[in-house]
N, C-alpha and C. Protein backbone atom coordinates (compact mmCIF):
# COMPACT_ATOMS: atom_id res chain seq x y z
N MET A 1 132.55 90.92 106.22
CA MET A 1 133.51 90.54 105.14
C MET A 1 135.04 90.91 105.64
N SER A 2 135.11 92.00 106.48
CA SER A 2 136.44 92.42 106.97
C SER A 2 136.88 91.38 107.93
N ILE A 3 135.86 90.72 108.76
CA ILE A 3 136.54 89.68 109.70
C ILE A 3 137.12 88.54 108.95
N SER A 4 136.49 88.13 107.92
CA SER A 4 137.11 87.04 107.30
C SER A 4 138.58 87.33 106.47
N ARG A 5 138.39 88.58 106.09
CA ARG A 5 139.90 88.98 105.37
C ARG A 5 140.85 89.12 106.48
N ASN A 6 140.55 89.60 107.60
CA ASN A 6 141.47 89.47 108.88
C ASN A 6 142.06 88.37 109.15
N ARG A 7 141.07 87.31 109.06
CA ARG A 7 141.48 85.92 109.48
C ARG A 7 142.47 85.52 108.32
N ILE A 8 141.97 85.74 107.17
CA ILE A 8 142.95 85.22 106.13
C ILE A 8 144.33 85.89 106.36
N ASP A 9 144.32 87.38 106.60
CA ASP A 9 145.63 87.91 106.51
C ASP A 9 146.51 87.33 107.72
N VAL A 10 145.87 86.94 108.72
CA VAL A 10 146.54 86.50 110.08
C VAL A 10 147.12 85.18 109.32
N ASN A 11 146.42 84.26 108.83
CA ASN A 11 146.91 82.91 108.61
C ASN A 11 147.88 83.22 107.37
N ARG A 12 147.86 84.05 106.67
CA ARG A 12 148.69 83.98 105.53
C ARG A 12 150.17 84.59 105.88
N THR A 13 150.27 85.58 107.22
CA THR A 13 151.39 85.82 107.56
C THR A 13 151.84 85.39 108.81
N LYS A 14 151.06 84.44 109.46
CA LYS A 14 151.45 83.94 110.53
C LYS A 14 152.77 83.02 110.60
N ASN A 15 153.13 82.49 109.65
CA ASN A 15 154.55 82.04 109.47
C ASN A 15 155.42 82.45 108.30
N ALA A 16 155.36 83.90 108.35
CA ALA A 16 156.06 84.47 107.19
C ALA A 16 157.75 84.62 107.65
N ARG A 17 158.27 84.31 106.74
CA ARG A 17 159.76 84.39 106.90
C ARG A 17 160.39 85.21 105.73
N ILE A 18 161.38 86.26 106.32
CA ILE A 18 161.90 87.01 105.28
C ILE A 18 163.41 86.90 105.65
N LEU A 19 164.04 86.60 104.67
CA LEU A 19 165.64 86.60 104.63
C LEU A 19 166.23 88.16 104.19
N ILE A 20 166.90 88.82 105.19
CA ILE A 20 167.39 89.96 105.04
C ILE A 20 168.81 89.87 104.92
N ILE A 21 169.56 90.22 103.73
CA ILE A 21 170.90 90.05 103.48
C ILE A 21 171.35 91.62 103.82
N GLU A 22 171.98 92.02 104.94
CA GLU A 22 172.29 93.37 105.33
C GLU A 22 173.77 93.46 106.27
N ASP A 23 174.59 94.00 105.64
CA ASP A 23 175.85 93.96 106.36
C ASP A 23 176.11 95.01 107.34
N ASP A 24 175.08 96.03 107.41
CA ASP A 24 175.41 97.24 108.51
C ASP A 24 174.49 96.84 109.77
N LEU A 25 175.16 96.59 110.92
CA LEU A 25 174.56 96.14 112.04
C LEU A 25 173.64 97.27 112.63
N ASP A 26 173.66 98.46 112.32
CA ASP A 26 172.61 99.44 112.87
C ASP A 26 171.36 99.18 111.91
N HIS A 27 171.67 98.81 110.69
CA HIS A 27 170.38 98.65 109.81
C HIS A 27 169.70 97.55 110.17
N GLN A 28 170.42 96.57 110.38
CA GLN A 28 170.04 95.19 110.98
C GLN A 28 169.03 95.27 112.14
N LEU A 29 169.40 96.06 113.15
CA LEU A 29 168.66 96.29 114.42
C LEU A 29 167.50 96.97 113.97
N LEU A 30 167.67 98.19 113.18
CA LEU A 30 166.48 98.97 112.76
C LEU A 30 165.37 98.02 111.94
N ILE A 31 165.85 97.44 111.09
CA ILE A 31 165.03 96.64 110.12
C ILE A 31 164.19 95.57 111.28
N LYS A 32 164.91 94.93 112.01
CA LYS A 32 164.41 94.06 112.91
C LYS A 32 163.23 94.68 113.84
N ASN A 33 163.50 95.65 114.53
CA ASN A 33 162.66 96.25 115.19
C ASN A 33 161.39 96.79 114.59
N ALA A 34 161.57 97.35 113.31
CA ALA A 34 160.51 97.92 112.46
C ALA A 34 159.74 96.54 112.12
N LEU A 35 160.26 95.62 111.63
CA LEU A 35 159.46 94.52 111.13
C LEU A 35 158.76 93.91 112.28
N GLN A 36 159.18 93.82 113.47
CA GLN A 36 158.41 93.15 114.70
C GLN A 36 157.25 94.06 114.84
N GLN A 37 157.18 95.39 114.70
CA GLN A 37 156.28 96.32 115.18
C GLN A 37 155.07 96.21 113.92
N SER A 38 155.62 96.09 112.63
CA SER A 38 154.54 96.27 111.64
C SER A 38 154.18 94.96 110.91
N PHE A 39 154.75 93.99 111.16
CA PHE A 39 154.41 92.73 110.79
C PHE A 39 154.44 91.58 111.71
N THR A 40 153.53 91.59 112.33
CA THR A 40 153.22 90.52 113.48
C THR A 40 153.16 89.13 112.93
N GLY A 41 154.02 88.40 113.68
CA GLY A 41 154.27 86.88 113.42
C GLY A 41 155.36 86.68 112.13
N ALA A 42 156.04 87.81 111.64
CA ALA A 42 157.12 87.42 110.73
C ALA A 42 158.28 87.11 111.36
N GLU A 43 159.04 86.32 110.74
CA GLU A 43 160.31 85.97 111.45
C GLU A 43 161.40 86.60 110.21
N ALA A 44 162.08 87.33 110.83
CA ALA A 44 163.36 88.04 110.08
C ALA A 44 164.68 86.99 110.40
N VAL A 45 165.21 86.64 109.24
CA VAL A 45 166.35 85.83 109.21
C VAL A 45 167.18 86.95 108.69
N ILE A 46 168.23 87.37 109.43
CA ILE A 46 169.22 88.32 109.18
C ILE A 46 170.60 87.73 108.84
N LYS A 47 171.03 87.84 107.72
CA LYS A 47 172.46 87.44 107.49
C LYS A 47 173.37 88.62 107.10
N SER A 48 174.58 88.75 107.15
CA SER A 48 175.44 89.83 106.99
C SER A 48 176.18 89.68 105.56
N THR A 49 176.39 88.34 105.14
CA THR A 49 177.17 88.15 103.99
C THR A 49 176.37 87.35 103.10
N GLU A 50 177.08 87.42 101.70
CA GLU A 50 176.66 86.47 100.74
C GLU A 50 176.76 84.97 101.27
N GLN A 51 177.96 84.71 101.76
CA GLN A 51 178.23 83.22 102.18
C GLN A 51 176.98 82.84 103.49
N GLU A 52 176.88 83.56 104.13
CA GLU A 52 175.96 83.20 105.39
C GLU A 52 174.58 83.01 104.56
N ALA A 53 174.11 83.88 103.86
CA ALA A 53 172.92 83.73 103.08
C ALA A 53 172.58 82.54 102.33
N ILE A 54 173.76 82.32 101.50
CA ILE A 54 173.51 80.95 100.71
C ILE A 54 173.76 79.78 101.51
N HIS A 55 174.50 79.93 102.46
CA HIS A 55 174.44 78.64 103.17
C HIS A 55 173.00 78.58 104.06
N TYR A 56 172.55 79.43 104.44
CA TYR A 56 171.31 79.47 105.11
C TYR A 56 170.22 78.81 104.09
N LEU A 57 170.22 79.27 102.77
CA LEU A 57 169.22 78.77 101.75
C LEU A 57 169.60 77.45 101.54
N ASP A 58 170.79 77.04 101.23
CA ASP A 58 171.09 75.65 100.99
C ASP A 58 170.67 74.67 102.21
N GLU A 59 170.90 75.28 103.47
CA GLU A 59 170.69 74.33 104.55
C GLU A 59 169.11 74.44 104.66
N CYS A 60 168.27 75.02 104.23
CA CYS A 60 166.79 74.91 104.20
C CYS A 60 166.43 73.86 103.18
N ILE A 61 167.09 73.90 102.11
CA ILE A 61 166.73 72.63 101.08
C ILE A 61 167.06 71.35 101.56
N GLN A 62 168.37 71.29 102.39
CA GLN A 62 168.80 70.18 103.01
C GLN A 62 168.02 69.51 103.91
N THR A 63 167.59 70.45 104.82
CA THR A 63 167.00 69.93 106.13
C THR A 63 165.38 70.03 106.00
N GLY A 64 164.87 70.54 104.86
CA GLY A 64 163.48 70.64 104.52
C GLY A 64 162.74 71.69 105.40
N ARG A 65 163.69 72.69 105.75
CA ARG A 65 163.10 73.79 106.47
C ARG A 65 162.37 74.86 105.63
N ARG A 66 161.46 75.29 105.83
CA ARG A 66 160.66 76.38 105.02
C ARG A 66 161.59 77.53 104.58
N LEU A 67 161.47 77.54 103.32
CA LEU A 67 162.39 78.80 102.66
C LEU A 67 161.67 80.16 102.96
N PRO A 68 162.35 81.31 102.82
CA PRO A 68 161.76 82.45 102.85
C PRO A 68 160.88 82.87 101.89
N HIS A 69 159.88 83.63 102.33
CA HIS A 69 158.74 84.15 101.22
C HIS A 69 159.32 85.03 100.23
N PHE A 70 160.19 86.08 100.59
CA PHE A 70 161.04 86.81 99.78
C PHE A 70 162.38 87.05 100.58
N ILE A 71 163.34 87.81 99.77
CA ILE A 71 164.52 87.92 100.07
C ILE A 71 164.71 89.50 100.00
N LEU A 72 165.12 90.13 101.12
CA LEU A 72 165.53 91.69 100.89
C LEU A 72 167.00 91.74 100.97
N LEU A 73 167.60 92.21 99.65
CA LEU A 73 169.05 92.15 99.57
C LEU A 73 169.67 93.64 99.36
N ASP A 74 170.41 93.82 100.54
CA ASP A 74 171.06 95.50 100.51
C ASP A 74 171.77 95.36 99.31
N LEU A 75 172.03 96.44 98.52
CA LEU A 75 172.67 96.70 97.09
C LEU A 75 174.30 96.77 97.48
N TYR A 76 174.53 97.38 98.49
CA TYR A 76 176.07 97.64 98.93
C TYR A 76 176.42 96.94 100.25
N LEU A 77 176.93 95.72 99.49
CA LEU A 77 177.19 94.72 100.74
C LEU A 77 178.50 94.24 100.94
N PRO A 78 179.64 94.98 100.94
CA PRO A 78 179.56 96.65 100.91
C PRO A 78 179.54 97.12 99.64
N GLU A 79 179.86 96.37 98.70
CA GLU A 79 179.94 96.71 97.27
C GLU A 79 178.99 96.27 96.27
N ARG A 80 178.37 97.04 95.31
CA ARG A 80 177.34 96.60 94.59
C ARG A 80 177.58 95.34 94.06
N GLU A 81 178.93 94.98 93.51
CA GLU A 81 179.09 93.62 92.96
C GLU A 81 178.94 92.58 93.88
N ASP A 82 179.18 92.86 95.12
CA ASP A 82 178.80 91.78 96.30
C ASP A 82 177.46 91.45 96.27
N ALA A 83 176.53 92.29 96.19
CA ALA A 83 175.02 92.09 95.83
C ALA A 83 174.71 91.43 94.82
N TRP A 84 175.14 91.81 93.65
CA TRP A 84 174.76 91.13 92.21
C TRP A 84 175.43 89.88 92.23
N HIS A 85 176.42 89.62 92.91
CA HIS A 85 176.97 88.19 92.77
C HIS A 85 176.15 87.41 93.69
N THR A 86 175.62 87.80 94.87
CA THR A 86 174.77 87.12 95.59
C THR A 86 173.45 86.84 94.89
N LEU A 87 172.86 87.84 94.16
CA LEU A 87 171.59 87.61 93.48
C LEU A 87 171.86 86.58 92.32
N LYS A 88 173.09 86.44 91.60
CA LYS A 88 173.31 85.44 90.69
C LYS A 88 173.26 84.06 91.39
N GLU A 89 173.95 84.08 92.32
CA GLU A 89 173.89 82.98 93.31
C GLU A 89 172.61 82.26 93.71
N ILE A 90 171.73 83.12 94.15
CA ILE A 90 170.31 82.97 94.58
C ILE A 90 169.77 82.29 93.16
N GLN A 91 170.00 83.01 92.14
CA GLN A 91 169.02 82.56 91.00
C GLN A 91 169.60 81.30 90.38
N ASN A 92 170.74 80.97 90.63
CA ASN A 92 171.39 79.65 90.11
C ASN A 92 171.33 78.39 91.03
N ARG A 93 170.64 78.79 92.13
CA ARG A 93 170.54 77.68 93.20
C ARG A 93 169.44 76.57 92.38
N SER A 94 168.62 75.95 93.41
CA SER A 94 167.79 75.05 93.03
C SER A 94 166.42 75.99 92.75
N VAL A 95 165.53 75.31 91.92
CA VAL A 95 164.50 76.05 91.32
C VAL A 95 163.83 76.76 92.42
N GLU A 96 163.50 75.88 93.88
CA GLU A 96 162.82 76.59 94.87
C GLU A 96 163.36 77.76 95.35
N ILE A 97 164.77 77.54 95.29
CA ILE A 97 165.44 78.94 95.69
C ILE A 97 165.62 79.95 94.62
N GLY A 98 165.68 79.67 93.55
CA GLY A 98 165.68 80.66 92.54
C GLY A 98 164.27 81.46 92.01
N ASN A 99 163.36 80.74 92.66
CA ASN A 99 162.00 81.33 92.48
C ASN A 99 161.69 82.29 93.54
N ILE A 100 162.39 82.34 94.64
CA ILE A 100 162.20 83.29 95.57
C ILE A 100 162.40 84.93 95.25
N PRO A 101 161.31 85.52 95.47
CA PRO A 101 161.42 87.08 94.87
C PRO A 101 162.74 87.77 95.46
N VAL A 102 163.44 88.44 95.04
CA VAL A 102 164.56 89.28 95.83
C VAL A 102 164.35 90.65 95.54
N VAL A 103 164.04 91.42 96.60
CA VAL A 103 163.86 92.71 96.55
C VAL A 103 165.23 93.47 96.76
N VAL A 104 165.89 94.13 95.86
CA VAL A 104 166.96 94.90 96.24
C VAL A 104 166.62 96.12 96.96
N PHE A 105 167.44 96.45 97.98
CA PHE A 105 167.10 97.83 98.87
C PHE A 105 168.54 98.44 98.91
N SER A 106 168.37 99.85 98.86
CA SER A 106 169.66 100.52 98.94
C SER A 106 169.39 102.12 99.26
N SER A 107 170.29 102.65 100.09
CA SER A 107 170.03 104.18 100.31
C SER A 107 170.21 104.83 98.88
N SER A 108 170.73 104.08 97.73
CA SER A 108 171.03 104.90 96.46
C SER A 108 169.66 104.91 95.55
N SER A 109 169.48 106.16 95.15
CA SER A 109 168.28 106.08 94.06
C SER A 109 168.91 106.50 92.88
N HIS A 110 170.20 106.16 92.52
CA HIS A 110 170.88 106.37 91.11
C HIS A 110 170.19 105.38 90.10
N SER A 111 169.97 105.91 89.01
CA SER A 111 169.31 105.37 88.20
C SER A 111 170.14 104.03 87.63
N GLU A 112 171.38 104.20 87.61
CA GLU A 112 172.23 103.07 87.16
C GLU A 112 172.23 101.81 88.12
N ASP A 113 172.30 102.30 89.44
CA ASP A 113 172.04 101.05 90.43
C ASP A 113 170.44 100.51 90.26
N ILE A 114 169.63 101.20 90.05
CA ILE A 114 168.18 100.63 89.86
C ILE A 114 168.18 99.81 88.51
N SER A 115 168.50 100.45 87.43
CA SER A 115 168.67 99.77 86.10
C SER A 115 169.42 98.39 86.23
N GLU A 116 170.56 98.44 86.67
CA GLU A 116 171.45 97.31 86.71
C GLU A 116 170.91 96.32 87.56
N SER A 117 170.24 96.51 88.57
CA SER A 117 169.57 95.65 89.56
C SER A 117 168.58 94.99 88.84
N TYR A 118 167.72 95.50 88.19
CA TYR A 118 166.67 94.93 87.26
C TYR A 118 167.11 94.26 86.32
N ASP A 119 168.18 94.65 85.58
CA ASP A 119 169.06 93.90 84.58
C ASP A 119 169.44 92.55 84.84
N ARG A 120 169.93 92.52 86.03
CA ARG A 120 170.32 91.33 86.73
C ARG A 120 169.38 90.56 87.36
N GLY A 121 168.13 90.75 87.20
CA GLY A 121 167.18 89.67 87.66
C GLY A 121 166.54 90.00 89.01
N ALA A 122 166.62 91.33 89.65
CA ALA A 122 165.88 91.70 90.83
C ALA A 122 164.53 91.82 90.54
N THR A 123 163.64 91.60 91.32
CA THR A 123 162.33 91.45 91.42
C THR A 123 161.67 92.73 91.48
N SER A 124 162.15 93.47 92.45
CA SER A 124 161.95 94.94 92.70
C SER A 124 163.07 95.65 93.30
N TYR A 125 163.09 96.89 93.28
CA TYR A 125 164.08 97.87 93.94
C TYR A 125 163.40 98.62 94.71
N ILE A 126 163.96 98.95 95.89
CA ILE A 126 163.31 99.95 96.83
C ILE A 126 164.38 100.62 97.34
N VAL A 127 164.28 102.08 97.46
CA VAL A 127 165.16 102.85 98.19
C VAL A 127 164.95 102.86 99.89
N LYS A 128 165.85 102.58 100.55
CA LYS A 128 165.74 102.43 102.11
C LYS A 128 165.19 103.82 102.79
N PRO A 129 164.23 103.31 103.56
CA PRO A 129 163.63 104.38 104.20
C PRO A 129 164.68 105.21 105.09
N VAL A 130 164.50 106.23 105.65
CA VAL A 130 165.26 107.01 106.34
C VAL A 130 165.06 106.89 107.89
N GLY A 131 163.85 107.12 108.55
CA GLY A 131 163.60 107.05 109.92
C GLY A 131 162.75 105.81 110.30
N PHE A 132 162.56 105.60 111.52
CA PHE A 132 162.05 104.38 111.95
C PHE A 132 160.66 104.34 111.63
N THR A 133 159.97 105.19 111.66
CA THR A 133 158.41 105.22 111.32
C THR A 133 158.23 105.15 109.74
N GLU A 134 159.28 105.49 108.89
CA GLU A 134 159.23 105.07 107.44
C GLU A 134 159.45 103.96 107.18
N TRP A 135 160.30 103.25 108.08
CA TRP A 135 160.69 101.71 107.94
C TRP A 135 159.36 100.78 108.26
N ILE A 136 158.72 101.24 109.29
CA ILE A 136 157.53 100.60 109.62
C ILE A 136 156.41 100.40 108.60
N ASP A 137 156.16 101.71 107.73
CA ASP A 137 155.48 101.84 106.79
C ASP A 137 156.20 101.03 105.44
N TYR A 138 157.16 101.01 105.50
CA TYR A 138 157.85 100.33 104.28
C TYR A 138 157.41 98.64 104.52
N PHE A 139 157.38 98.22 105.60
CA PHE A 139 157.32 96.89 106.13
C PHE A 139 155.61 96.50 105.75
N ARG A 140 154.82 97.51 106.25
CA ARG A 140 153.49 97.29 106.06
C ARG A 140 153.33 97.36 104.70
N THR A 141 153.82 97.93 103.95
CA THR A 141 153.53 97.80 102.31
C THR A 141 154.26 96.72 101.67
N LEU A 142 155.19 96.15 102.11
CA LEU A 142 155.70 94.96 101.62
C LEU A 142 154.86 93.75 101.86
N LYS A 143 154.27 93.72 103.20
CA LYS A 143 153.41 92.96 103.55
C LYS A 143 152.14 92.86 102.76
N ASP A 144 151.64 94.12 102.59
CA ASP A 144 150.22 94.15 101.89
C ASP A 144 150.50 93.54 100.32
N TYR A 145 151.61 93.89 99.85
CA TYR A 145 152.11 93.48 98.50
C TYR A 145 152.28 91.91 98.63
N TRP A 146 153.36 91.56 99.16
CA TRP A 146 153.91 90.09 98.88
C TRP A 146 153.07 89.11 99.81
N TRP A 147 152.31 89.46 100.72
CA TRP A 147 151.41 88.37 101.19
C TRP A 147 149.88 88.53 100.91
N GLU A 148 149.61 89.73 100.56
CA GLU A 148 148.28 89.76 100.38
C GLU A 148 147.74 90.28 98.89
N THR A 149 148.65 90.46 98.06
CA THR A 149 148.29 90.73 96.61
C THR A 149 148.95 89.83 95.66
N ALA A 150 150.30 89.61 95.73
CA ALA A 150 151.00 88.91 94.80
C ALA A 150 150.99 87.41 94.99
N ILE A 151 150.67 86.53 93.94
CA ILE A 151 150.80 85.01 94.16
C ILE A 151 151.93 84.48 93.65
N LEU A 152 152.63 83.90 94.60
CA LEU A 152 153.96 83.24 93.83
C LEU A 152 153.88 81.71 93.70
N PRO A 153 154.87 81.24 92.97
CA PRO A 153 154.77 79.53 92.92
C PRO A 153 154.94 79.32 94.20
N GLY A 154 154.00 77.88 94.17
CA GLY A 154 153.90 77.05 95.58
C GLY A 154 153.01 77.94 96.61
N ASN A 155 152.60 79.10 96.39
CA ASN A 155 151.83 79.90 97.61
C ASN A 155 150.34 79.94 97.23
N HIS A 156 149.85 79.12 96.35
CA HIS A 156 148.29 79.43 95.98
C HIS A 156 147.68 78.24 96.22
């Protein structure tokens, strides 16, 4: 039974694509390396600004390129309002783009940041890990949930 489960896992994650919207270059590198180690076969598409991210998503629709399975959105991009505006832009795009789960992630664990993110439509909120090993665990958990547990529109 575990053999077939492993086959399913490989097939489901083989073409995984994650859009990461993060303005900090050090975090981008850390995230990319941790993702490669913990999520074999996943493609990280990293964008630094709202404009780059929205352009990428629109381009996916225009060219027929596969959309990301989910989006990780840094809350302080560099300001909260920037991330919330990005979230709104994603939600107001086509139905295909608007249905992509957006996980807000931040170093902040302030209740007002968390509540406001959910109030504005974030699918989930996660506090950024501190060390590299924690980032690897973070991506393993995300993979287990978003690829092996959750069923999303168009993915069943």
